[in-house]
Amino acid sequence: RRRSLHGFSGGAGDGLDAGRLMRALGSPYSAATRVDGTVSAEWPGLEYLKAQGNGQATLRPTAPAASRSQLPIGGRVLVRASAGRIDAQLVQVVAAGAQLDGRVAVSDDRRLQGQLKGHAGDVGRLASSVETFLGRPVSELPMPLQGTVDLDANIAGTIDAPTAATVINAPALVVG
């Protein structure tokens, strides 16, 4: 039996509360984000990796900054699924003071493929936000970092064992 979903959206203040959904699913971390969008898709039974269709979502942060286990995320995500492959495009996805753009694909054999580009105008703010979110230090550096950082990553592997070949460029990094 085929399942289908055609659209979800809301007006101002409506939409899906991503944090509430993630907590209901038992995740220790959640997105402080409201999601509005549209989906038009079909798939057999519970086999979502065999979905055919497309969708788009707008992510709106519901908190001004990261807190313990909760991260505000904003931006857009565009998704297309066909022939056993799901392609997602991230457009100006912003979290913890960093922006991410790029594409990631998942094939029906759970393989990942993609390219991502990221930018943080203040690596110190990014590290501080991540530490607040995780509830622990992310670095053993005894001094603060400042400056911009750019990231280029090629994503591969599988959903269960992802890999990333990453180049980080920090031309004006200040330590201490």
C-alpha atoms as a PDB file:
ATOM      1  CA  ARG A   1       0.000   0.000   0.000  1.00  0.00           C
ATOM      2  CA  ARG A   2       1.335   3.439  -0.906  1.00  0.00           C
ATOM      3  CA  ARG A   3       1.426   6.280   1.587  1.00  0.00           C
ATOM      4  CA  SER A   4       1.341   9.927   0.569  1.00  0.00           C
ATOM      5  CA  LEU A   5       1.754  13.337   2.095  1.00  0.00           C
ATOM      6  CA  HIS A   6       0.727  16.523   0.355  1.00  0.00           C
ATOM      7  CA  GLY A   7       1.713  19.692   2.105  1.00  0.00           C
ATOM      8  CA  PHE A   8       2.179  21.004   5.585  1.00  0.00           C
ATOM      9  CA  SER A   9       2.345  24.671   6.262  1.00  0.00           C
ATOM     10  CA  GLY A  10       1.226  27.316   8.608  1.00  0.00           C
ATOM     11  CA  GLY A  11       0.751  31.033   8.717  1.00  0.00           C
ATOM     12  CA  ALA A  12       2.589  33.400  11.027  1.00  0.00           C
ATOM     13  CA  GLY A  13       3.371  31.645  14.290  1.00  0.00           C
ATOM     14  CA  ASP A  14       2.155  28.264  13.035  1.00  0.00           C
ATOM     15  CA  GLY A  15       4.120  25.382  11.612  1.00  0.00           C
ATOM     16  CA  LEU A  16       5.826  22.377  13.107  1.00  0.00           C
ATOM     17  CA  ASP A  17       7.716  22.798  16.395  1.00  0.00           C
ATOM     18  CA  ALA A  18      10.920  20.844  15.603  1.00  0.00           C
ATOM     19  CA  GLY A  19      12.098  20.885  19.222  1.00  0.00           C
ATOM     20  CA  ARG A  20       8.877  19.374  20.523  1.00  0.00           C
ATOM     21  CA  LEU A  21       9.000  16.646  17.858  1.00  0.00           C
ATOM     22  CA  MET A  22      12.655  15.824  18.608  1.00  0.00           C
ATOM     23  CA  ARG A  23      11.965  15.593  22.350  1.00  0.00           C
ATOM     24  CA  ALA A  24       8.944  13.342  21.691  1.00  0.00           C
ATOM     25  CA  LEU A  25      11.251  11.046  19.713  1.00  0.00           C
ATOM     26  CA  GLY A  26      13.604  10.846  22.718  1.00  0.00           C
ATOM     27  CA  SER A  27      16.456  12.947  21.339  1.00  0.00           C
ATOM     28  CA  PRO A  28      18.716  14.452  24.017  1.00  0.00           C
ATOM     29  CA  TYR A  29      19.232  17.449  21.703  1.00  0.00           C
ATOM     30  CA  SER A  30      16.647  19.554  19.928  1.00  0.00           C
ATOM     31  CA  ALA A  31      16.300  22.390  17.454  1.00  0.00           C
ATOM     32  CA  ALA A  32      14.715  25.592  18.768  1.00  0.00           C
ATOM     33  CA  THR A  33      13.049  25.935  15.403  1.00  0.00           C
ATOM     34  CA  ARG A  34       9.651  26.265  13.799  1.00  0.00           C
ATOM     35  CA  VAL A  35       9.285  24.616  10.376  1.00  0.00           C
ATOM     36  CA  ASP A  36       6.902  25.770   7.647  1.00  0.00           C
ATOM     37  CA  GLY A  37       6.872  24.184   4.220  1.00  0.00           C
ATOM     38  CA  THR A  38       5.268  22.009   1.636  1.00  0.00           C
ATOM     39  CA  VAL A  39       5.722  18.375   0.713  1.00  0.00           C
ATOM     40  CA  SER A  40       4.279  16.352  -2.115  1.00  0.00           C
ATOM     41  CA  ALA A  41       5.459  12.743  -1.874  1.00  0.00           C
ATOM     42  CA  GLU A  42       4.475   9.094  -2.150  1.00  0.00           C
ATOM     43  CA  TRP A  43       6.173   5.950  -0.840  1.00  0.00           C
ATOM     44  CA  PRO A  44       5.290   2.305  -0.286  1.00  0.00           C
ATOM     45  CA  GLY A  45       4.388   1.439   3.324  1.00  0.00           C
ATOM     46  CA  LEU A  46       7.089   2.625   5.709  1.00  0.00           C
ATOM     47  CA  GLU A  47       9.857   2.595   3.095  1.00  0.00           C
ATOM     48  CA  TYR A  48      10.619   6.322   3.090  1.00  0.00           C
ATOM     49  CA  LEU A  49      13.859   5.782   1.135  1.00  0.00           C
ATOM     50  CA  LYS A  50      11.652   4.768  -1.813  1.00  0.00           C
ATOM     51  CA  ALA A  51       9.823   8.098  -1.702  1.00  0.00           C
ATOM     52  CA  GLN A  52       9.094  10.033  -4.867  1.00  0.00           C
ATOM     53  CA  GLY A  53       8.319  13.731  -4.707  1.00  0.00           C
ATOM     54  CA  ASN A  54       9.668  17.049  -3.524  1.00  0.00           C
ATOM     55  CA  GLY A  55       9.378  19.522  -0.719  1.00  0.00           C
ATOM     56  CA  GLN A  56      10.735  22.678   0.787  1.00  0.00           C
ATOM     57  CA  ALA A  57      10.949  23.899   4.358  1.00  0.00           C
ATOM     58  CA  THR A  58      11.668  27.257   5.923  1.00  0.00           C
ATOM     59  CA  LEU A  59      13.324  27.034   9.342  1.00  0.00           C
ATOM     60  CA  ARG A  60      12.744  29.886  11.810  1.00  0.00           C
ATOM     61  CA  PRO A  61      14.642  30.040  15.106  1.00  0.00           C
ATOM     62  CA  THR A  62      12.390  30.235  18.173  1.00  0.00           C
ATOM     63  CA  ALA A  63      15.138  31.290  20.585  1.00  0.00           C
ATOM     64  CA  PRO A  64      17.757  34.053  20.335  1.00  0.00           C
ATOM     65  CA  ALA A  65      20.747  31.859  21.248  1.00  0.00           C
ATOM     66  CA  ALA A  66      21.819  28.301  22.014  1.00  0.00           C
ATOM     67  CA  SER A  67      21.019  26.841  25.401  1.00  0.00           C
ATOM     68  CA  ARG A  68      21.836  23.484  26.977  1.00  0.00           C
ATOM     69  CA  SER A  69      20.638  20.782  24.529  1.00  0.00           C
ATOM     70  CA  GLN A  70      18.716  23.263  22.360  1.00  0.00           C
ATOM     71  CA  LEU A  71      20.032  24.979  19.208  1.00  0.00           C
ATOM     72  CA  PRO A  72      18.147  27.632  17.200  1.00  0.00           C
ATOM     73  CA  ILE A  73      18.351  26.907  13.463  1.00  0.00           C
ATOM     74  CA  GLY A  74      17.180  29.087  10.558  1.00  0.00           C
ATOM     75  CA  GLY A  75      17.278  28.870   6.757  1.00  0.00           C
ATOM     76  CA  ARG A  76      15.761  26.809   3.967  1.00  0.00           C
ATOM     77  CA  VAL A  77      15.923  23.159   2.955  1.00  0.00           C
ATOM     78  CA  LEU A  78      14.821  21.926  -0.482  1.00  0.00           C
ATOM     79  CA  VAL A  79      14.321  18.180  -1.013  1.00  0.00           C
ATOM     80  CA  ARG A  80      13.693  16.036  -4.081  1.00  0.00           C
ATOM     81  CA  ALA A  81      13.252  12.257  -4.009  1.00  0.00           C
ATOM     82  CA  SER A  82      13.122   9.874  -6.956  1.00  0.00           C
ATOM     83  CA  ALA A  83      14.576   6.605  -8.204  1.00  0.00           C
ATOM     84  CA  GLY A  84      15.780   5.565  -4.748  1.00  0.00           C
ATOM     85  CA  ARG A  85      17.676   8.783  -4.061  1.00  0.00           C
ATOM     86  CA  ILE A  86      16.905  11.720  -1.794  1.00  0.00           C
ATOM     87  CA  ASP A  87      18.644  15.017  -2.635  1.00  0.00           C
ATOM     88  CA  ALA A  88      18.637  17.852  -0.094  1.00  0.00           C
ATOM     89  CA  GLN A  89      19.849  21.389  -0.698  1.00  0.00           C
ATOM     90  CA  LEU A  90      20.689  23.599   2.289  1.00  0.00           C
ATOM     91  CA  VAL A  91      20.246  27.315   1.633  1.00  0.00           C
ATOM     92  CA  GLN A  92      21.644  29.774   4.179  1.00  0.00           C
ATOM     93  CA  VAL A  93      21.094  27.400   7.103  1.00  0.00           C
ATOM     94  CA  VAL A  94      22.246  29.328  10.169  1.00  0.00           C
ATOM     95  CA  ALA A  95      23.027  27.945  13.624  1.00  0.00           C
ATOM     96  CA  ALA A  96      25.395  28.927  16.451  1.00  0.00           C
ATOM     97  CA  GLY A  97      26.646  31.950  14.512  1.00  0.00           C
ATOM     98  CA  ALA A  98      27.646  29.910  11.449  1.00  0.00           C
ATOM     99  CA  GLN A  99      26.072  29.544   8.009  1.00  0.00           C
ATOM    100  CA  LEU A 100      25.963  26.339   5.950  1.00  0.00           C
ATOM    101  CA  ASP A 101      25.074  25.914   2.270  1.00  0.00           C
ATOM    102  CA  GLY A 102      25.332  22.875   0.043  1.00  0.00           C
ATOM    103  CA  ARG A 103      23.862  19.621  -1.170  1.00  0.00           C
ATOM    104  CA  VAL A 104      23.668  16.137   0.331  1.00  0.00           C
ATOM    105  CA  ALA A 105      22.216  13.010  -1.282  1.00  0.00           C
ATOM    106  CA  VAL A 106      21.184   9.688   0.271  1.00  0.00           C
ATOM    107  CA  SER A 107      20.803   6.675  -2.032  1.00  0.00           C
ATOM    108  CA  ASP A 108      18.563   3.698  -1.389  1.00  0.00           C
ATOM    109  CA  ASP A 109      21.599   1.693  -0.193  1.00  0.00           C
ATOM    110  CA  ARG A 110      22.059   4.397   2.534  1.00  0.00           C
ATOM    111  CA  ARG A 111      25.160   5.905   0.885  1.00  0.00           C
ATOM    112  CA  LEU A 112      25.872   9.598   1.377  1.00  0.00           C
ATOM    113  CA  GLN A 113      27.309  12.018  -1.152  1.00  0.00           C
ATOM    114  CA  GLY A 114      27.524  15.775  -1.005  1.00  0.00           C
ATOM    115  CA  GLN A 115      29.357  19.056  -0.718  1.00  0.00           C
ATOM    116  CA  LEU A 116      28.919  21.617   2.039  1.00  0.00           C
ATOM    117  CA  LYS A 117      30.327  25.123   2.487  1.00  0.00           C
ATOM    118  CA  GLY A 118      30.283  26.850   5.844  1.00  0.00           C
ATOM    119  CA  HIS A 119      31.254  30.249   7.191  1.00  0.00           C
ATOM    120  CA  ALA A 120      31.526  31.650  10.698  1.00  0.00           C
ATOM    121  CA  GLY A 121      32.265  35.335  11.123  1.00  0.00           C
ATOM    122  CA  ASP A 122      33.432  34.777  14.708  1.00  0.00           C
ATOM    123  CA  VAL A 123      34.859  31.350  15.558  1.00  0.00           C
ATOM    124  CA  GLY A 124      34.880  32.298  19.250  1.00  0.00           C
ATOM    125  CA  ARG A 125      31.117  32.872  19.208  1.00  0.00           C
ATOM    126  CA  LEU A 126      30.639  29.596  17.335  1.00  0.00           C
ATOM    127  CA  ALA A 127      32.717  27.643  19.896  1.00  0.00           C
ATOM    128  CA  SER A 128      30.896  29.287  22.799  1.00  0.00           C
ATOM    129  CA  SER A 129      27.473  28.459  21.318  1.00  0.00           C
ATOM    130  CA  VAL A 130      28.460  24.833  20.685  1.00  0.00           C
ATOM    131  CA  GLU A 131      29.821  24.513  24.237  1.00  0.00           C
ATOM    132  CA  THR A 132      26.570  25.918  25.648  1.00  0.00           C
ATOM    133  CA  PHE A 133      24.518  23.530  23.488  1.00  0.00           C
ATOM    134  CA  LEU A 134      26.589  20.451  24.414  1.00  0.00           C
ATOM    135  CA  GLY A 135      27.040  21.472  28.041  1.00  0.00           C
ATOM    136  CA  ARG A 136      30.787  20.870  27.889  1.00  0.00           C
ATOM    137  CA  PRO A 137      33.946  22.386  26.393  1.00  0.00           C
ATOM    138  CA  VAL A 138      34.646  21.532  22.749  1.00  0.00           C
ATOM    139  CA  SER A 139      38.286  22.521  22.905  1.00  0.00           C
ATOM    140  CA  GLU A 140      41.128  22.042  25.330  1.00  0.00           C
ATOM    141  CA  LEU A 141      42.598  25.434  24.403  1.00  0.00           C
ATOM    142  CA  PRO A 142      43.102  27.511  27.561  1.00  0.00           C
ATOM    143  CA  MET A 143      42.565  30.762  25.645  1.00  0.00           C
ATOM    144  CA  PRO A 144      39.804  32.188  23.454  1.00  0.00           C
ATOM    145  CA  LEU A 145      39.758  32.166  19.654  1.00  0.00           C
ATOM    146  CA  GLN A 146      38.678  35.025  17.394  1.00  0.00           C
ATOM    147  CA  GLY A 147      38.381  35.480  13.660  1.00  0.00           C
ATOM    148  CA  THR A 148      36.559  34.119  10.668  1.00  0.00           C
ATOM    149  CA  VAL A 149      36.604  30.543   9.477  1.00  0.00           C
ATOM    150  CA  ASP A 150      35.465  28.956   6.200  1.00  0.00           C
ATOM    151  CA  LEU A 151      34.816  25.268   5.683  1.00  0.00           C
ATOM    152  CA  ASP A 152      34.575  23.155   2.515  1.00  0.00           C
ATOM    153  CA  ALA A 153      33.525  19.540   3.051  1.00  0.00           C
ATOM    154  CA  ASN A 154      32.916  16.585   0.773  1.00  0.00           C
ATOM    155  CA  ILE A 155      30.496  14.177   2.417  1.00  0.00           C
ATOM    156  CA  ALA A 156      30.638  10.409   1.740  1.00  0.00           C
ATOM    157  CA  GLY A 157      30.202   7.072   3.486  1.00  0.00           C
ATOM    158  CA  THR A 158      26.853   5.809   4.714  1.00  0.00           C
ATOM    159  CA  ILE A 159      24.167   7.055   7.071  1.00  0.00           C
ATOM    160  CA  ASP A 160      25.577   4.686   9.717  1.00  0.00           C
ATOM    161  CA  ALA A 161      29.234   5.598   9.054  1.00  0.00           C
ATOM    162  CA  PRO A 162      29.475   9.056   7.460  1.00  0.00           C
ATOM    163  CA  THR A 163      32.805  10.569   6.414  1.00  0.00           C
ATOM    164  CA  ALA A 164      33.846  14.103   5.534  1.00  0.00           C
ATOM    165  CA  ALA A 165      36.993  15.305   3.771  1.00  0.00           C
ATOM    166  CA  THR A 166      37.206  18.850   5.073  1.00  0.00           C
ATOM    167  CA  VAL A 167      39.320  21.913   4.368  1.00  0.00           C
ATOM    168  CA  ILE A 168      39.181  24.663   6.993  1.00  0.00           C
ATOM    169  CA  ASN A 169      40.490  28.120   6.131  1.00  0.00           C
ATOM    170  CA  ALA A 170      41.030  30.618   8.948  1.00  0.00           C
ATOM    171  CA  PRO A 171      43.158  33.396   7.438  1.00  0.00           C
ATOM    172  CA  ALA A 172      42.976  35.797  10.380  1.00  0.00           C
ATOM    173  CA  LEU A 173      42.584  33.540  13.404  1.00  0.00           C
ATOM    174  CA  VAL A 174      43.624  35.146  16.685  1.00  0.00           C
ATOM    175  CA  VAL A 175      44.446  32.892  19.627  1.00  0.00           C
ATOM    176  CA  GLY A 176      44.478  34.463  23.077  1.00  0.00           C
END
